Amino acid sequence: MAKVSVIITAAGAGKRFGGDVKKPFALLDNRPVFIRCVELFINRPDVVQTILTVAPEDHDVVREKYAANLMLMGLRLVKGGAERYESIRLALEHLDPQADLVCVHDGVRPCVLENWIDQVLAEAEKTGAAILAAPLTGTIKRVADSGVIDATVSREGLYEAQTPQVFRPKILLDAYRALPPDFHPTDDAQVVERSGHPVAIVPTDRRNIKITTGADMSLAAALCKDMARQPKGRAMGAFEEAQW
């Protein structure tokens, strides 16, 4: 069994979320979103380390307000950077040397099936780099700055990248070390892609939602409840998918 270090990213500004509370700390069925994300990993026998990145201005508040959670869950709290990739780079400085894999997960993506995590870890152990991703199913339009449709784009072969994203530590560390200062990646797969190492995907579906706006909270709450009732790894049927 590969040993896994997990990095949970909760350092984003959350400008699109709105309100006075940043989205990782918003309550989802009476528990903070980031706690629900951490719970996806902490009881796994293959996880040897869990790192939580938060914005520098949130560090002391999180350390005090969630002291019991940090201790009971064995979380290592790390100050993040201004952008997501900077937070990951800072977290990697604290990586457990015994880890065979490093798993990066958004602290606002609480609806992940255990089976998906199993699959992406297994794929990364085999290939060195793998992510969860969902095929695009809608009609895709490219829109001009004027707000007018510029083109209809084929969705063939197009996937939306999700997390967890999992890598062998050396692959991710080397890719970050080679990152030029003017390159601003939006996920870790992009960092590794740039290094030339292929990144495999494990197909999922749209239930692996990333909470971005306040409206996403009610959808995430419904999904979490529904997924908790389902047998491990059961795929969603076409009718069920259509209902949301």
Protein backbone atom coordinates (compact mmCIF):
# COMPACT_ATOMS: atom_id res chain seq x y z
CA MET A 1 0.00 0.00 0.00
CA ALA A 2 1.43 3.37 -1.06
CA LYS A 3 1.82 5.97 1.69
CA VAL A 4 0.00 9.20 0.91
CA SER A 5 0.50 12.81 2.00
CA VAL A 6 -2.63 14.91 1.49
CA ILE A 7 -2.68 18.66 0.93
CA ILE A 8 -6.04 20.37 1.44
CA THR A 9 -6.11 23.86 -0.06
CA ALA A 10 -8.22 26.42 1.81
CA ALA A 11 -6.27 29.61 1.17
CA GLY A 12 -8.33 31.10 -1.65
CA ALA A 13 -9.89 34.54 -1.44
CA GLY A 14 -13.31 33.26 -2.52
CA LYS A 15 -14.31 36.53 -4.21
CA ARG A 16 -17.21 34.93 -6.11
CA PHE A 17 -18.68 33.30 -3.01
CA GLY A 18 -19.95 36.48 -1.35
CA GLY A 19 -20.86 37.10 2.28
CA ASP A 20 -18.63 37.61 5.29
CA VAL A 21 -17.35 34.02 5.55
CA LYS A 22 -14.84 32.52 3.11
CA LYS A 23 -16.19 29.44 1.38
CA PRO A 24 -13.91 26.82 3.07
CA PHE A 25 -15.25 27.96 6.45
CA ALA A 26 -18.92 28.24 5.48
CA LEU A 27 -21.18 25.72 7.22
CA LEU A 28 -22.40 22.80 5.17
CA ASP A 29 -25.04 20.97 7.20
CA ASN A 30 -23.57 22.52 10.38
CA ARG A 31 -19.95 21.62 9.61
CA PRO A 32 -17.35 23.78 7.86
CA VAL A 33 -16.77 22.79 4.24
CA PHE A 34 -13.03 22.28 4.76
CA ILE A 35 -13.68 19.86 7.63
CA ARG A 36 -15.88 17.76 5.35
CA CYS A 37 -13.05 17.70 2.81
CA VAL A 38 -10.49 16.66 5.42
CA GLU A 39 -12.80 13.86 6.58
CA LEU A 40 -12.54 12.28 3.13
CA PHE A 41 -8.93 11.34 3.88
CA ILE A 42 -7.99 11.27 7.57
CA ASN A 43 -9.31 7.79 8.33
CA ARG A 44 -7.76 6.14 5.30
CA PRO A 45 -5.03 3.63 6.28
CA ASP A 46 -2.79 4.82 3.42
CA VAL A 47 -2.75 8.48 4.53
CA VAL A 48 0.32 9.32 6.63
CA GLN A 49 0.05 13.12 6.63
CA THR A 50 -2.60 15.79 6.10
CA ILE A 51 -1.62 19.41 5.46
CA LEU A 52 -4.13 22.27 5.47
CA THR A 53 -3.17 25.51 3.72
CA VAL A 54 -4.95 28.72 4.73
CA ALA A 55 -4.47 32.37 3.84
CA PRO A 56 -1.88 34.13 6.04
CA GLU A 57 -4.56 36.46 7.44
CA ASP A 58 -6.66 33.42 8.47
CA HIS A 59 -3.84 31.39 10.02
CA ASP A 60 -4.10 32.53 13.64
CA VAL A 61 -7.90 32.51 13.63
CA VAL A 62 -8.03 28.97 12.24
CA ARG A 63 -5.36 27.78 14.68
CA GLU A 64 -7.39 29.08 17.62
CA LYS A 65 -10.98 28.50 16.47
CA TYR A 66 -10.34 24.99 15.15
CA ALA A 67 -7.62 23.95 17.61
CA ALA A 68 -9.49 20.80 18.65
CA ASN A 69 -10.08 19.76 15.03
CA LEU A 70 -6.45 20.34 14.11
CA MET A 71 -5.28 18.21 17.03
CA LEU A 72 -7.80 15.37 16.72
CA MET A 73 -7.43 15.17 12.95
CA GLY A 74 -3.64 15.47 13.07
CA LEU A 75 -3.64 18.39 10.64
CA ARG A 76 -0.52 20.41 9.89
CA LEU A 77 -1.51 24.04 9.34
CA VAL A 78 0.52 25.94 6.74
CA LYS A 79 0.28 29.56 5.62
CA GLY A 80 -0.57 29.68 1.93
CA GLY A 81 0.25 32.21 -0.74
CA ALA A 82 -1.59 34.78 -2.82
CA GLU A 83 -2.41 32.20 -5.51
CA ARG A 84 -3.27 28.52 -5.32
CA TYR A 85 -0.02 27.27 -6.85
CA GLU A 86 1.95 29.32 -4.34
CA SER A 87 0.07 27.64 -1.49
CA ILE A 88 0.91 24.20 -2.89
CA ARG A 89 4.55 25.13 -3.27
CA LEU A 90 4.65 26.23 0.38
CA ALA A 91 2.87 23.06 1.52
CA LEU A 92 5.37 20.89 -0.35
CA GLU A 93 8.12 22.25 1.89
CA HIS A 94 6.49 20.29 4.74
CA LEU A 95 5.99 17.03 2.84
CA ASP A 96 6.60 13.85 4.82
CA PRO A 97 9.67 12.14 3.29
CA GLN A 98 8.09 8.70 3.70
CA ALA A 99 5.21 9.58 1.35
CA ASP A 100 5.03 7.61 -1.91
CA LEU A 101 2.29 9.87 -3.29
CA VAL A 102 1.14 13.44 -2.72
CA CYS A 103 -2.57 14.06 -3.09
CA VAL A 104 -3.85 17.62 -3.57
CA HIS A 105 -7.52 18.34 -2.94
CA ASP A 106 -9.60 21.52 -2.98
CA GLY A 107 -10.89 22.46 0.45
CA VAL A 108 -14.21 23.36 -1.17
CA ARG A 109 -14.87 20.04 -2.93
CA PRO A 110 -16.67 17.90 -0.30
CA CYS A 111 -18.64 15.52 -2.57
CA VAL A 112 -16.09 12.86 -3.51
CA LEU A 113 -16.84 9.15 -3.51
CA GLU A 114 -14.36 6.93 -1.69
CA ASN A 115 -14.14 4.79 -4.81
CA TRP A 116 -12.98 7.78 -6.85
CA ILE A 117 -10.19 8.43 -4.36
CA ASP A 118 -9.17 4.76 -4.48
CA GLN A 119 -9.05 4.86 -8.27
CA VAL A 120 -7.05 8.07 -8.64
CA LEU A 121 -4.51 6.93 -6.06
CA ALA A 122 -4.11 3.60 -7.83
CA GLU A 123 -3.69 5.30 -11.21
CA ALA A 124 -1.08 7.73 -9.85
CA GLU A 125 0.83 4.88 -8.22
CA LYS A 126 0.96 3.21 -11.63
CA THR A 127 1.63 6.21 -13.88
CA GLY A 128 3.12 8.84 -11.57
CA ALA A 129 0.42 11.47 -12.17
CA ALA A 130 -3.39 11.23 -12.26
CA ILE A 131 -6.40 13.42 -11.62
CA LEU A 132 -10.16 13.10 -11.37
CA ALA A 133 -11.95 14.69 -14.32
CA ALA A 134 -15.50 14.81 -15.68
CA PRO A 135 -16.36 14.80 -19.40
CA LEU A 136 -18.09 17.94 -20.64
CA THR A 137 -21.66 17.09 -21.62
CA GLY A 138 -23.22 20.42 -22.58
CA THR A 139 -22.97 22.44 -25.76
CA ILE A 140 -19.82 24.57 -25.46
CA LYS A 141 -19.81 28.16 -26.73
CA ARG A 142 -16.82 30.47 -27.09
CA VAL A 143 -18.04 34.00 -26.30
CA ALA A 144 -16.44 37.27 -27.43
CA ASP A 145 -15.78 40.20 -25.08
CA SER A 146 -18.94 41.79 -26.45
CA GLY A 147 -21.02 38.97 -24.99
CA VAL A 148 -21.88 37.51 -28.39
CA ILE A 149 -21.21 33.86 -29.27
CA ASP A 150 -18.04 33.61 -31.30
CA ALA A 151 -18.11 29.87 -32.00
CA THR A 152 -19.58 26.54 -30.97
CA VAL A 153 -16.76 24.31 -29.79
CA SER A 154 -16.72 20.54 -30.09
CA ARG A 155 -16.83 18.90 -26.67
CA GLU A 156 -15.19 15.72 -27.96
CA GLY A 157 -12.25 14.86 -25.74
CA LEU A 158 -12.91 17.79 -23.36
CA TYR A 159 -12.93 17.18 -19.61
CA GLU A 160 -13.27 19.43 -16.58
CA ALA A 161 -10.33 18.92 -14.25
CA GLN A 162 -11.26 18.10 -10.65
CA THR A 163 -9.46 17.07 -7.49
CA PRO A 164 -7.97 15.00 -5.93
CA GLN A 165 -4.91 15.31 -8.14
CA VAL A 166 -2.21 12.80 -7.21
CA PHE A 167 1.48 12.60 -8.08
CA ARG A 168 4.69 10.91 -7.11
CA PRO A 169 6.45 13.49 -4.92
CA LYS A 170 9.54 13.84 -7.11
CA ILE A 171 7.44 14.49 -10.22
CA LEU A 172 5.47 17.28 -8.54
CA LEU A 173 8.47 18.77 -6.71
CA ASP A 174 10.63 18.83 -9.84
CA ALA A 175 7.79 20.37 -11.86
CA TYR A 176 7.33 23.16 -9.31
CA ARG A 177 11.06 23.83 -9.12
CA ALA A 178 11.12 24.29 -12.91
CA LEU A 179 8.14 26.66 -12.92
CA PRO A 180 9.08 30.09 -14.35
CA PRO A 181 8.01 33.16 -12.33
CA ASP A 182 5.71 34.42 -15.09
CA PHE A 183 3.71 31.18 -15.33
CA HIS A 184 0.52 31.09 -13.23
CA PRO A 185 -1.05 27.62 -13.34
CA THR A 186 -4.59 27.04 -12.12
CA ASP A 187 -4.03 23.46 -10.99
CA ASP A 188 -1.19 21.06 -10.27
CA ALA A 189 -1.83 18.96 -13.36
CA GLN A 190 -0.95 22.00 -15.45
CA VAL A 191 2.36 22.31 -13.59
CA VAL A 192 3.19 18.67 -14.28
CA GLU A 193 1.97 18.86 -17.89
CA ARG A 194 4.41 21.70 -18.49
CA SER A 195 7.26 19.53 -17.21
CA GLY A 196 6.51 17.01 -19.94
CA HIS A 197 5.23 14.20 -17.72
CA PRO A 198 1.88 12.75 -18.92
CA VAL A 199 -1.09 13.10 -16.59
CA ALA A 200 -3.75 10.38 -16.64
CA ILE A 201 -7.40 10.97 -15.83
CA VAL A 202 -9.88 8.94 -13.83
CA PRO A 203 -13.38 9.77 -15.14
CA THR A 204 -15.98 10.95 -12.64
CA ASP A 205 -19.14 13.01 -13.02
CA ARG A 206 -20.50 16.41 -12.06
CA ARG A 207 -21.29 15.41 -8.49
CA ASN A 208 -17.69 16.25 -7.60
CA ILE A 209 -18.73 19.88 -7.37
CA LYS A 210 -16.37 22.71 -6.45
CA ILE A 211 -18.19 25.21 -4.26
CA THR A 212 -17.66 28.56 -5.95
CA THR A 213 -20.75 30.66 -5.27
CA GLY A 214 -23.19 30.79 -2.39
CA ALA A 215 -25.77 29.03 -4.54
CA ASP A 216 -23.52 25.96 -4.69
CA MET A 217 -23.94 25.31 -0.97
CA SER A 218 -27.48 23.92 -1.16
CA LEU A 219 -26.52 21.73 -4.12
CA ALA A 220 -23.46 20.40 -2.28
CA ALA A 221 -25.55 19.66 0.82
CA ALA A 222 -28.06 17.65 -1.23
CA LEU A 223 -25.28 15.77 -3.04
CA CYS A 224 -23.46 14.89 0.19
CA LYS A 225 -26.65 13.45 1.67
CA ASP A 226 -27.48 11.50 -1.48
CA MET A 227 -23.96 10.10 -1.88
CA ALA A 228 -23.85 9.03 1.77
CA ARG A 229 -26.90 6.82 1.15
CA GLN A 230 -25.45 5.14 -1.93
CA PRO A 231 -23.38 1.96 -2.03
CA LYS A 232 -19.66 2.58 -2.43
CA GLY A 233 -18.82 3.86 -5.91
CA ARG A 234 -22.31 3.49 -7.42
CA ALA A 235 -22.58 5.46 -10.63
CA MET A 236 -25.39 7.96 -11.04
CA GLY A 237 -28.09 6.96 -13.49
CA ALA A 238 -29.16 9.19 -16.38
CA PHE A 239 -32.48 10.05 -14.72
CA GLU A 240 -30.82 10.92 -11.40
CA GLU A 241 -28.26 13.12 -13.14
CA ALA A 242 -31.01 14.95 -14.99
CA GLN A 243 -32.73 15.84 -11.72
CA TRP A 244 -29.92 18.15 -10.66
